[in-house]
PDB file of N, CA and C in Angstrom:
ATOM      1  N   MET A   1     133.389   4.443 235.802  1.00  0.00           N
ATOM      2  CA  MET A   1     133.326   3.018 235.474  1.00  0.00           C
ATOM      3  C   MET A   1     133.516   2.834 233.968  1.00  0.00           C
ATOM      4  N   LYS A   2     134.402   1.923 233.594  1.00  0.00           N
ATOM      5  CA  LYS A   2     134.651   1.661 232.181  1.00  0.00           C
ATOM      6  C   LYS A   2     133.501   0.868 231.582  1.00  0.00           C
ATOM      7  N   ARG A   3     133.204   1.176 230.351  1.00  0.00           N
ATOM      8  CA  ARG A   3     132.175   0.428 229.662  1.00  0.00           C
ATOM      9  C   ARG A   3     132.798  -0.869 229.139  1.00  0.00           C
ATOM     10  N   PRO A   4     132.005  -1.956 229.124  1.00  0.00           N
ATOM     11  CA  PRO A   4     132.537  -3.253 228.686  1.00  0.00           C
ATOM     12  C   PRO A   4     133.132  -3.230 227.279  1.00  0.00           C
ATOM     13  N   ASN A   5     132.550  -2.456 226.360  1.00  0.00           N
ATOM     14  CA  ASN A   5     133.068  -2.418 224.989  1.00  0.00           C
ATOM     15  C   ASN A   5     134.471  -1.836 224.940  1.00  0.00           C
ATOM     16  N   HIS A   6     134.739  -0.841 225.795  1.00  0.00           N
ATOM     17  CA  HIS A   6     136.078  -0.261 225.829  1.00  0.00           C
ATOM     18  C   HIS A   6     137.102  -1.283 226.316  1.00  0.00           C
ATOM     19  N   GLU A   7     136.743  -2.035 227.323  1.00  0.00           N
ATOM     20  CA  GLU A   7     137.655  -3.054 227.863  1.00  0.00           C
ATOM     21  C   GLU A   7     137.902  -4.144 226.818  1.00  0.00           C
ATOM     22  N   ARG A   8     136.868  -4.555 226.145  1.00  0.00           N
ATOM     23  CA  ARG A   8     137.011  -5.576 225.105  1.00  0.00           C
ATOM     24  C   ARG A   8     137.925  -5.074 223.986  1.00  0.00           C
ATOM     25  N   ARG A   9     137.735  -3.851 223.571  1.00  0.00           N
ATOM     26  CA  ARG A   9     138.561  -3.264 222.514  1.00  0.00           C
ATOM     27  C   ARG A   9     140.027  -3.174 222.949  1.00  0.00           C
ATOM     28  N   ARG A  10     140.257  -2.798 224.201  1.00  0.00           N
ATOM     29  CA  ARG A  10     141.634  -2.737 224.713  1.00  0.00           C
ATOM     30  C   ARG A  10     142.289  -4.102 224.673  1.00  0.00           C
ATOM     31  N   ARG A  11     141.548  -5.148 225.065  1.00  0.00           N
ATOM     32  CA  ARG A  11     142.086  -6.520 225.023  1.00  0.00           C
ATOM     33  C   ARG A  11     142.416  -6.928 223.593  1.00  0.00           C
ATOM     34  N   GLN A  12     141.531  -6.586 222.653  1.00  0.00           N
ATOM     35  CA  GLN A  12     141.769  -6.923 221.251  1.00  0.00           C
ATOM     36  C   GLN A  12     143.028  -6.238 220.737  1.00  0.00           C
ATOM     37  N   LEU A  13     143.194  -4.980 221.058  1.00  0.00           N
ATOM     38  CA  LEU A  13     144.378  -4.246 220.601  1.00  0.00           C
ATOM     39  C   LEU A  13     145.650  -4.799 221.235  1.00  0.00           C
ATOM     40  N   ARG A  14     145.567  -5.152 222.506  1.00  0.00           N
ATOM     41  CA  ARG A  14     146.733  -5.713 223.205  1.00  0.00           C
ATOM     42  C   ARG A  14     147.119  -7.054 222.566  1.00  0.00           C
ATOM     43  N   TRP A  15     146.136  -7.895 222.284  1.00  0.00           N
ATOM     44  CA  TRP A  15     146.407  -9.198 221.682  1.00  0.00           C
ATOM     45  C   TRP A  15     146.991  -9.019 220.284  1.00  0.00           C
ATOM     46  N   LYS A  16     146.464  -8.058 219.522  1.00  0.00           N
ATOM     47  CA  LYS A  16     146.998  -7.796 218.190  1.00  0.00           C
ATOM     48  C   LYS A  16     148.463  -7.372 218.282  1.00  0.00           C
ATOM     49  N   ALA A  17     148.786  -6.552 219.258  1.00  0.00           N
ATOM     50  CA  ALA A  17     150.171  -6.108 219.443  1.00  0.00           C
ATOM     51  C   ALA A  17     151.074  -7.289 219.789  1.00  0.00           C
ATOM     52  N   VAL A  18     150.605  -8.185 220.632  1.00  0.00           N
ATOM     53  CA  VAL A  18     151.390  -9.369 221.007  1.00  0.00           C
ATOM     54  C   VAL A  18     151.630 -10.232 219.774  1.00  0.00           C
ATOM     55  N   ARG A  19     150.594 -10.468 218.975  1.00  0.00           N
ATOM     56  CA  ARG A  19     150.730 -11.269 217.752  1.00  0.00           C
ATOM     57  C   ARG A  19     151.761 -10.665 216.810  1.00  0.00           C
ATOM     58  N   GLU A  20     151.650  -9.368 216.597  1.00  0.00           N
ATOM     59  CA  GLU A  20     152.566  -8.703 215.674  1.00  0.00           C
ATOM     60  C   GLU A  20     154.006  -8.736 216.193  1.00  0.00           C
ATOM     61  N   LEU A  21     154.178  -8.592 217.492  1.00  0.00           N
ATOM     62  CA  LEU A  21     155.504  -8.644 218.093  1.00  0.00           C
ATOM     63  C   LEU A  21     156.130 -10.028 217.903  1.00  0.00           C
ATOM     64  N   ILE A  22     155.355 -11.054 218.125  1.00  0.00           N
ATOM     65  CA  ILE A  22     155.856 -12.416 217.973  1.00  0.00           C
ATOM     66  C   ILE A  22     156.233 -12.669 216.516  1.00  0.00           C
ATOM     67  N   LYS A  23     155.346 -12.299 215.602  1.00  0.00           N
ATOM     68  CA  LYS A  23     155.629 -12.517 214.182  1.00  0.00           C
ATOM     69  C   LYS A  23     156.854 -11.726 213.730  1.00  0.00           C
ATOM     70  N   ALA A  24     157.010 -10.523 214.244  1.00  0.00           N
ATOM     71  CA  ALA A  24     158.159  -9.703 213.868  1.00  0.00           C
ATOM     72  C   ALA A  24     159.468 -10.294 214.398  1.00  0.00           C
ATOM     73  N   SER A  25     159.397 -11.016 215.486  1.00  0.00           N
ATOM     74  CA  SER A  25     160.615 -11.567 216.078  1.00  0.00           C
ATOM     75  C   SER A  25     161.054 -12.868 215.409  1.00  0.00           C
ATOM     76  N   LEU A  26     160.236 -13.413 214.518  1.00  0.00           N
ATOM     77  CA  LEU A  26     160.602 -14.637 213.814  1.00  0.00           C
ATOM     78  C   LEU A  26     161.682 -14.323 212.788  1.00  0.00           C
ATOM     79  N   THR A  27     162.725 -15.110 212.775  1.00  0.00           N
ATOM     80  CA  THR A  27     163.866 -14.802 211.915  1.00  0.00           C
ATOM     81  C   THR A  27     163.917 -15.644 210.648  1.00  0.00           C
ATOM     82  N   GLU A  28     163.274 -16.778 210.621  1.00  0.00           N
ATOM     83  CA  GLU A  28     163.287 -17.646 209.442  1.00  0.00           C
ATOM     84  C   GLU A  28     162.194 -17.211 208.467  1.00  0.00           C
ATOM     85  N   GLU A  29     162.310 -17.640 207.245  1.00  0.00           N
ATOM     86  CA  GLU A  29     161.301 -17.321 206.236  1.00  0.00           C
ATOM     87  C   GLU A  29     160.119 -18.275 206.288  1.00  0.00           C
ATOM     88  N   SER A  30     160.355 -19.487 206.781  1.00  0.00           N
ATOM     89  CA  SER A  30     159.247 -20.423 206.918  1.00  0.00           C
ATOM     90  C   SER A  30     159.453 -21.277 208.175  1.00  0.00           C
ATOM     91  N   TYR A  31     158.365 -21.788 208.670  1.00  0.00           N
ATOM     92  CA  TYR A  31     158.348 -22.608 209.880  1.00  0.00           C
ATOM     93  C   TYR A  31     157.439 -23.798 209.636  1.00  0.00           C
ATOM     94  N   ASP A  32     157.489 -24.775 210.516  1.00  0.00           N
ATOM     95  CA  ASP A  32     156.587 -25.916 210.411  1.00  0.00           C
ATOM     96  C   ASP A  32     155.442 -25.733 211.392  1.00  0.00           C
ATOM     97  N   CYS A  33     154.240 -26.129 210.944  1.00  0.00           N
ATOM     98  CA  CYS A  33     153.070 -26.077 211.812  1.00  0.00           C
ATOM     99  C   CYS A  33     153.299 -27.014 213.002  1.00  0.00           C
ATOM    100  N   THR A  34     152.968 -26.568 214.178  1.00  0.00           N
ATOM    101  CA  THR A  34     153.135 -27.369 215.389  1.00  0.00           C
ATOM    102  C   THR A  34     152.323 -28.655 215.325  1.00  0.00           C
ATOM    103  N   TYR A  35     151.181 -28.622 214.652  1.00  0.00           N
ATOM    104  CA  TYR A  35     150.265 -29.763 214.663  1.00  0.00           C
ATOM    105  C   TYR A  35     150.412 -30.686 213.456  1.00  0.00           C
ATOM    106  N   CYS A  36     150.413 -30.151 212.235  1.00  0.00           N
ATOM    107  CA  CYS A  36     150.469 -31.013 211.045  1.00  0.00           C
ATOM    108  C   CYS A  36     151.883 -31.153 210.486  1.00  0.00           C
ATOM    109  N   LYS A  37     152.811 -30.360 210.991  1.00  0.00           N
ATOM    110  CA  LYS A  37     154.235 -30.399 210.600  1.00  0.00           C
ATOM    111  C   LYS A  37     154.509 -29.939 209.164  1.00  0.00           C
ATOM    112  N   LEU A  38     153.503 -29.391 208.476  1.00  0.00           N
ATOM    113  CA  LEU A  38     153.720 -28.870 207.133  1.00  0.00           C
ATOM    114  C   LEU A  38     154.368 -27.496 207.214  1.00  0.00           C
ATOM    115  N   PRO A  39     155.185 -27.141 206.212  1.00  0.00           N
ATOM    116  CA  PRO A  39     155.826 -25.821 206.244  1.00  0.00           C
ATOM    117  C   PRO A  39     154.817 -24.691 206.034  1.00  0.00           C
ATOM    118  N   ILE A  40     155.050 -23.567 206.708  1.00  0.00           N
ATOM    119  CA  ILE A  40     154.209 -22.378 206.583  1.00  0.00           C
ATOM    120  C   ILE A  40     155.139 -21.192 206.334  1.00  0.00           C
ATOM    121  N   LEU A  41     154.782 -20.365 205.389  1.00  0.00           N
ATOM    122  CA  LEU A  41     155.543 -19.131 205.189  1.00  0.00           C
ATOM    123  C   LEU A  41     155.311 -18.198 206.366  1.00  0.00           C
ATOM    124  N   LYS A  42     156.309 -17.405 206.669  1.00  0.00           N
ATOM    125  CA  LYS A  42     156.252 -16.498 207.821  1.00  0.00           C
ATOM    126  C   LYS A  42     154.986 -15.638 207.821  1.00  0.00           C
ATOM    127  N   GLU A  43     154.606 -15.114 206.652  1.00  0.00           N
ATOM    128  CA  GLU A  43     153.455 -14.215 206.612  1.00  0.00           C
ATOM    129  C   GLU A  43     152.118 -14.954 206.725  1.00  0.00           C
ATOM    130  N   ARG A  44     152.126 -16.295 206.683  1.00  0.00           N
ATOM    131  CA  ARG A  44     150.893 -17.081 206.788  1.00  0.00           C
ATOM    132  C   ARG A  44     150.728 -17.771 208.148  1.00  0.00           C
ATOM    133  N   ILE A  45     151.671 -17.550 209.033  1.00  0.00           N
ATOM    134  CA  ILE A  45     151.630 -18.183 210.359  1.00  0.00           C
ATOM    135  C   ILE A  45     150.482 -17.600 211.183  1.00  0.00           C
ATOM    136  N   THR A  46     149.821 -18.490 211.915  1.00  0.00           N
ATOM    137  CA  THR A  46     148.846 -18.036 212.903  1.00  0.00           C
ATOM    138  C   THR A  46     149.326 -18.500 214.272  1.00  0.00           C
ATOM    139  N   LEU A  47     148.843 -17.853 215.289  1.00  0.00           N
ATOM    140  CA  LEU A  47     149.168 -18.234 216.667  1.00  0.00           C
ATOM    141  C   LEU A  47     147.958 -18.913 217.285  1.00  0.00           C
ATOM    142  N   ASP A  48     148.194 -20.021 217.943  1.00  0.00           N
ATOM    143  CA  ASP A  48     147.120 -20.773 218.579  1.00  0.00           C
ATOM    144  C   ASP A  48     147.359 -20.820 220.076  1.00  0.00           C
ATOM    145  N   HIS A  49     146.278 -20.727 220.835  1.00  0.00           N
ATOM    146  CA  HIS A  49     146.368 -20.928 222.285  1.00  0.00           C
ATOM    147  C   HIS A  49     146.373 -22.437 222.524  1.00  0.00           C
ATOM    148  N   ILE A  50     147.431 -22.951 223.090  1.00  0.00           N
ATOM    149  CA  ILE A  50     147.554 -24.380 223.352  1.00  0.00           C
ATOM    150  C   ILE A  50     146.419 -24.824 224.269  1.00  0.00           C
ATOM    151  N   VAL A  51     146.259 -24.140 225.379  1.00  0.00           N
ATOM    152  CA  VAL A  51     145.080 -24.315 226.227  1.00  0.00           C
ATOM    153  C   VAL A  51     144.168 -23.140 225.888  1.00  0.00           C
ATOM    154  N   PRO A  52     143.020 -23.409 225.256  1.00  0.00           N
ATOM    155  CA  PRO A  52     142.149 -22.322 224.826  1.00  0.00           C
ATOM    156  C   PRO A  52     141.756 -21.388 225.967  1.00  0.00           C
ATOM    157  N   ARG A  53     141.597 -20.127 225.635  1.00  0.00           N
ATOM    158  CA  ARG A  53     141.180 -19.143 226.637  1.00  0.00           C
ATOM    159  C   ARG A  53     139.841 -19.539 227.254  1.00  0.00           C
ATOM    160  N   SER A  54     138.972 -20.152 226.454  1.00  0.00           N
ATOM    161  CA  SER A  54     137.664 -20.574 226.966  1.00  0.00           C
ATOM    162  C   SER A  54     137.777 -21.701 227.981  1.00  0.00           C
ATOM    163  N   ARG A  55     138.958 -22.307 228.067  1.00  0.00           N
ATOM    164  CA  ARG A  55     139.198 -23.379 229.035  1.00  0.00           C
ATOM    165  C   ARG A  55     140.211 -22.970 230.089  1.00  0.00           C
ATOM    166  N   GLY A  56     140.411 -21.680 230.212  1.00  0.00           N
ATOM    167  CA  GLY A  56     141.273 -21.182 231.274  1.00  0.00           C
ATOM    168  C   GLY A  56     142.703 -20.893 230.873  1.00  0.00           C
ATOM    169  N   GLY A  57     143.018 -21.012 229.600  1.00  0.00           N
ATOM    170  CA  GLY A  57     144.377 -20.728 229.135  1.00  0.00           C
ATOM    171  C   GLY A  57     144.673 -19.238 229.200  1.00  0.00           C
ATOM    172  N   LYS A  58     145.916 -18.919 229.462  1.00  0.00           N
ATOM    173  CA  LYS A  58     146.320 -17.516 229.550  1.00  0.00           C
ATOM    174  C   LYS A  58     146.467 -16.934 228.155  1.00  0.00           C
ATOM    175  N   SER A  59     145.969 -15.722 228.005  1.00  0.00           N
ATOM    176  CA  SER A  59     145.934 -15.097 226.691  1.00  0.00           C
ATOM    177  C   SER A  59     147.295 -14.595 226.234  1.00  0.00           C
ATOM    178  N   TYR A  60     148.057 -13.989 227.117  1.00  0.00           N
ATOM    179  CA  TYR A  60     149.286 -13.319 226.709  1.00  0.00           C
ATOM    180  C   TYR A  60     150.545 -14.059 227.136  1.00  0.00           C
ATOM    181  N   SER A  61     150.409 -15.328 227.454  1.00  0.00           N
ATOM    182  CA  SER A  61     151.549 -16.111 227.912  1.00  0.00           C
ATOM    183  C   SER A  61     152.213 -16.800 226.719  1.00  0.00           C
ATOM    184  N   TYR A  62     153.514 -16.544 226.513  1.00  0.00           N
ATOM    185  CA  TYR A  62     154.236 -17.180 225.418  1.00  0.00           C
ATOM    186  C   TYR A  62     154.187 -18.697 225.529  1.00  0.00           C
ATOM    187  N   SER A  63     154.162 -19.213 226.747  1.00  0.00           N
ATOM    188  CA  SER A  63     154.156 -20.662 226.926  1.00  0.00           C
ATOM    189  C   SER A  63     152.815 -21.285 226.530  1.00  0.00           C
ATOM    190  N   ASN A  64     151.792 -20.459 226.306  1.00  0.00           N
ATOM    191  CA  ASN A  64     150.488 -20.973 225.886  1.00  0.00           C
ATOM    192  C   ASN A  64     150.228 -20.702 224.405  1.00  0.00           C
ATOM    193  N   LEU A  65     151.238 -20.314 223.662  1.00  0.00           N
ATOM    194  CA  LEU A  65     151.058 -20.020 222.242  1.00  0.00           C
ATOM    195  C   LEU A  65     151.876 -20.980 221.391  1.00  0.00           C
ATOM    196  N   ALA A  66     151.296 -21.379 220.261  1.00  0.00           N
ATOM    197  CA  ALA A  66     151.986 -22.252 219.315  1.00  0.00           C
ATOM    198  C   ALA A  66     151.845 -21.677 217.918  1.00  0.00           C
ATOM    199  N   LEU A  67     152.895 -21.801 217.105  1.00  0.00           N
ATOM    200  CA  LEU A  67     152.839 -21.407 215.704  1.00  0.00           C
ATOM    201  C   LEU A  67     152.146 -22.526 214.941  1.00  0.00           C
ATOM    202  N   CYS A  68     151.149 -22.157 214.148  1.00  0.00           N
ATOM    203  CA  CYS A  68     150.474 -23.183 213.368  1.00  0.00           C
ATOM    204  C   CYS A  68     149.887 -22.604 212.088  1.00  0.00           C
ATOM    205  N   CYS A  69     149.451 -23.488 211.205  1.00  0.00           N
ATOM    206  CA  CYS A  69     148.838 -23.052 209.956  1.00  0.00           C
ATOM    207  C   CYS A  69     147.378 -22.681 210.228  1.00  0.00           C
ATOM    208  N   TYR A  70     146.830 -21.931 209.305  1.00  0.00           N
ATOM    209  CA  TYR A  70     145.444 -21.462 209.449  1.00  0.00           C
ATOM    210  C   TYR A  70     144.475 -22.642 209.532  1.00  0.00           C
ATOM    211  N   ALA A  71     144.679 -23.671 208.692  1.00  0.00           N
ATOM    212  CA  ALA A  71     143.768 -24.812 208.672  1.00  0.00           C
ATOM    213  C   ALA A  71     143.714 -25.516 210.031  1.00  0.00           C
ATOM    214  N   CYS A  72     144.863 -25.770 210.627  1.00  0.00           N
ATOM    215  CA  CYS A  72     144.891 -26.424 211.947  1.00  0.00           C
ATOM    216  C   CYS A  72     144.275 -25.531 213.020  1.00  0.00           C
ATOM    217  N   ASN A  73     144.576 -24.236 212.956  1.00  0.00           N
ATOM    218  CA  ASN A  73     144.034 -23.301 213.943  1.00  0.00           C
ATOM    219  C   ASN A  73     142.508 -23.283 213.887  1.00  0.00           C
ATOM    220  N   GLN A  74     141.945 -23.274 212.683  1.00  0.00           N
ATOM    221  CA  GLN A  74     140.493 -23.262 212.526  1.00  0.00           C
ATOM    222  C   GLN A  74     139.877 -24.587 212.966  1.00  0.00           C
ATOM    223  N   LEU A  75     140.531 -25.686 212.636  1.00  0.00           N
ATOM    224  CA  LEU A  75     140.010 -27.004 212.994  1.00  0.00           C
ATOM    225  C   LEU A  75     140.088 -27.253 214.498  1.00  0.00           C
ATOM    226  N   LYS A  76     141.138 -26.774 215.137  1.00  0.00           N
ATOM    227  CA  LYS A  76     141.329 -27.001 216.576  1.00  0.00           C
ATOM    228  C   LYS A  76     140.294 -26.264 217.424  1.00  0.00           C
ATOM    229  N   ARG A  77     139.914 -25.066 216.973  1.00  0.00           N
ATOM    230  CA  ARG A  77     138.930 -24.237 217.682  1.00  0.00           C
ATOM    231  C   ARG A  77     139.265 -24.163 219.180  1.00  0.00           C
ATOM    232  N   ASP A  78     138.368 -24.681 220.030  1.00  0.00           N
ATOM    233  CA  ASP A  78     138.582 -24.575 221.479  1.00  0.00           C
ATOM    234  C   ASP A  78     138.919 -25.916 222.118  1.00  0.00           C
ATOM    235  N   MET A  79     139.529 -26.798 221.321  1.00  0.00           N
ATOM    236  CA  MET A  79     139.919 -28.111 221.855  1.00  0.00           C
ATOM    237  C   MET A  79     141.297 -28.036 222.505  1.00  0.00           C
ATOM    238  N   LEU A  80     141.529 -28.947 223.421  1.00  0.00           N
ATOM    239  CA  LEU A  80     142.871 -29.133 223.954  1.00  0.00           C
ATOM    240  C   LEU A  80     143.681 -29.879 222.892  1.00  0.00           C
ATOM    241  N   VAL A  81     144.989 -29.803 222.977  1.00  0.00           N
ATOM    242  CA  VAL A  81     145.857 -30.422 221.977  1.00  0.00           C
ATOM    243  C   VAL A  81     145.561 -31.917 221.843  1.00  0.00           C
ATOM    244  N   GLU A  82     145.409 -32.607 222.957  1.00  0.00           N
ATOM    245  CA  GLU A  82     145.158 -34.050 222.925  1.00  0.00           C
ATOM    246  C   GLU A  82     143.863 -34.362 222.170  1.00  0.00           C
ATOM    247  N   GLU A  83     142.815 -33.580 222.424  1.00  0.00           N
ATOM    248  CA  GLU A  83     141.539 -33.780 221.737  1.00  0.00           C
ATOM    249  C   GLU A  83     141.691 -33.530 220.240  1.00  0.00           C
ATOM    250  N   PHE A  84     142.397 -32.474 219.900  1.00  0.00           N
ATOM    251  CA  PHE A  84     142.586 -32.106 218.504  1.00  0.00           C
ATOM    252  C   PHE A  84     143.359 -33.181 217.751  1.00  0.00           C
ATOM    253  N   LEU A  85     144.446 -33.673 218.327  1.00  0.00           N
ATOM    254  CA  LEU A  85     145.252 -34.690 217.664  1.00  0.00           C
ATOM    255  C   LEU A  85     144.451 -35.992 217.472  1.00  0.00           C
ATOM    256  N   LEU A  86     143.601 -36.300 218.420  1.00  0.00           N
ATOM    257  CA  LEU A  86     142.740 -37.476 218.302  1.00  0.00           C
ATOM    258  C   LEU A  86     141.761 -37.306 217.141  1.00  0.00           C
ATOM    259  N   ILE A  87     141.161 -36.152 217.010  1.00  0.00           N
ATOM    260  CA  ILE A  87     140.220 -35.861 215.926  1.00  0.00           C
ATOM    261  C   ILE A  87     140.958 -35.944 214.579  1.00  0.00           C
ATOM    262  N   ARG A  88     142.140 -35.352 214.508  1.00  0.00           N
ATOM    263  CA  ARG A  88     142.913 -35.395 213.255  1.00  0.00           C
ATOM    264  C   ARG A  88     143.246 -36.832 212.873  1.00  0.00           C
ATOM    265  N   GLU A  89     143.606 -37.626 213.875  1.00  0.00           N
ATOM    266  CA  GLU A  89     143.951 -39.018 213.622  1.00  0.00           C
ATOM    267  C   GLU A  89     142.732 -39.798 213.112  1.00  0.00           C
ATOM    268  N   GLU A  90     141.570 -39.540 213.713  1.00  0.00           N
ATOM    269  CA  GLU A  90     140.339 -40.208 213.282  1.00  0.00           C
ATOM    270  C   GLU A  90     139.984 -39.818 211.854  1.00  0.00           C
ATOM    271  N   ARG A  91     140.150 -38.558 211.519  1.00  0.00           N
ATOM    272  CA  ARG A  91     139.827 -38.085 210.165  1.00  0.00           C
ATOM    273  C   ARG A  91     140.769 -38.680 209.122  1.00  0.00           C
ATOM    274  N   ALA A  92     142.018 -38.905 209.525  1.00  0.00           N
ATOM    275  CA  ALA A  92     143.009 -39.437 208.588  1.00  0.00           C
ATOM    276  C   ALA A  92     142.787 -40.912 208.279  1.00  0.00           C
ATOM    277  N   SER A  93     142.147 -41.613 209.205  1.00  0.00           N
ATOM    278  CA  SER A  93     141.967 -43.066 208.974  1.00  0.00           C
ATOM    279  C   SER A  93     140.638 -43.399 208.376  1.00  0.00           C
TER     280      SER A  93
END
């Protein structure tokens, strides 16, 4: 029987590999954040789960990942996109 820590570590390593693969496949030097639309340098891009894993989103599905800036990724936390955009709009006004 596998110990839970080993399984968790394997998932972390797999996710890190997916992140690095996606970042390596980017061909432009900069991209726009999916949420705030500000430009981000390639080496500063973060990946966000559109539907958070804590809400049933798939971890390794390309269709559930978005390129975004660190600030938006941290602010979004485990919100759905609609919730996050509403919060951003409220903060801006």
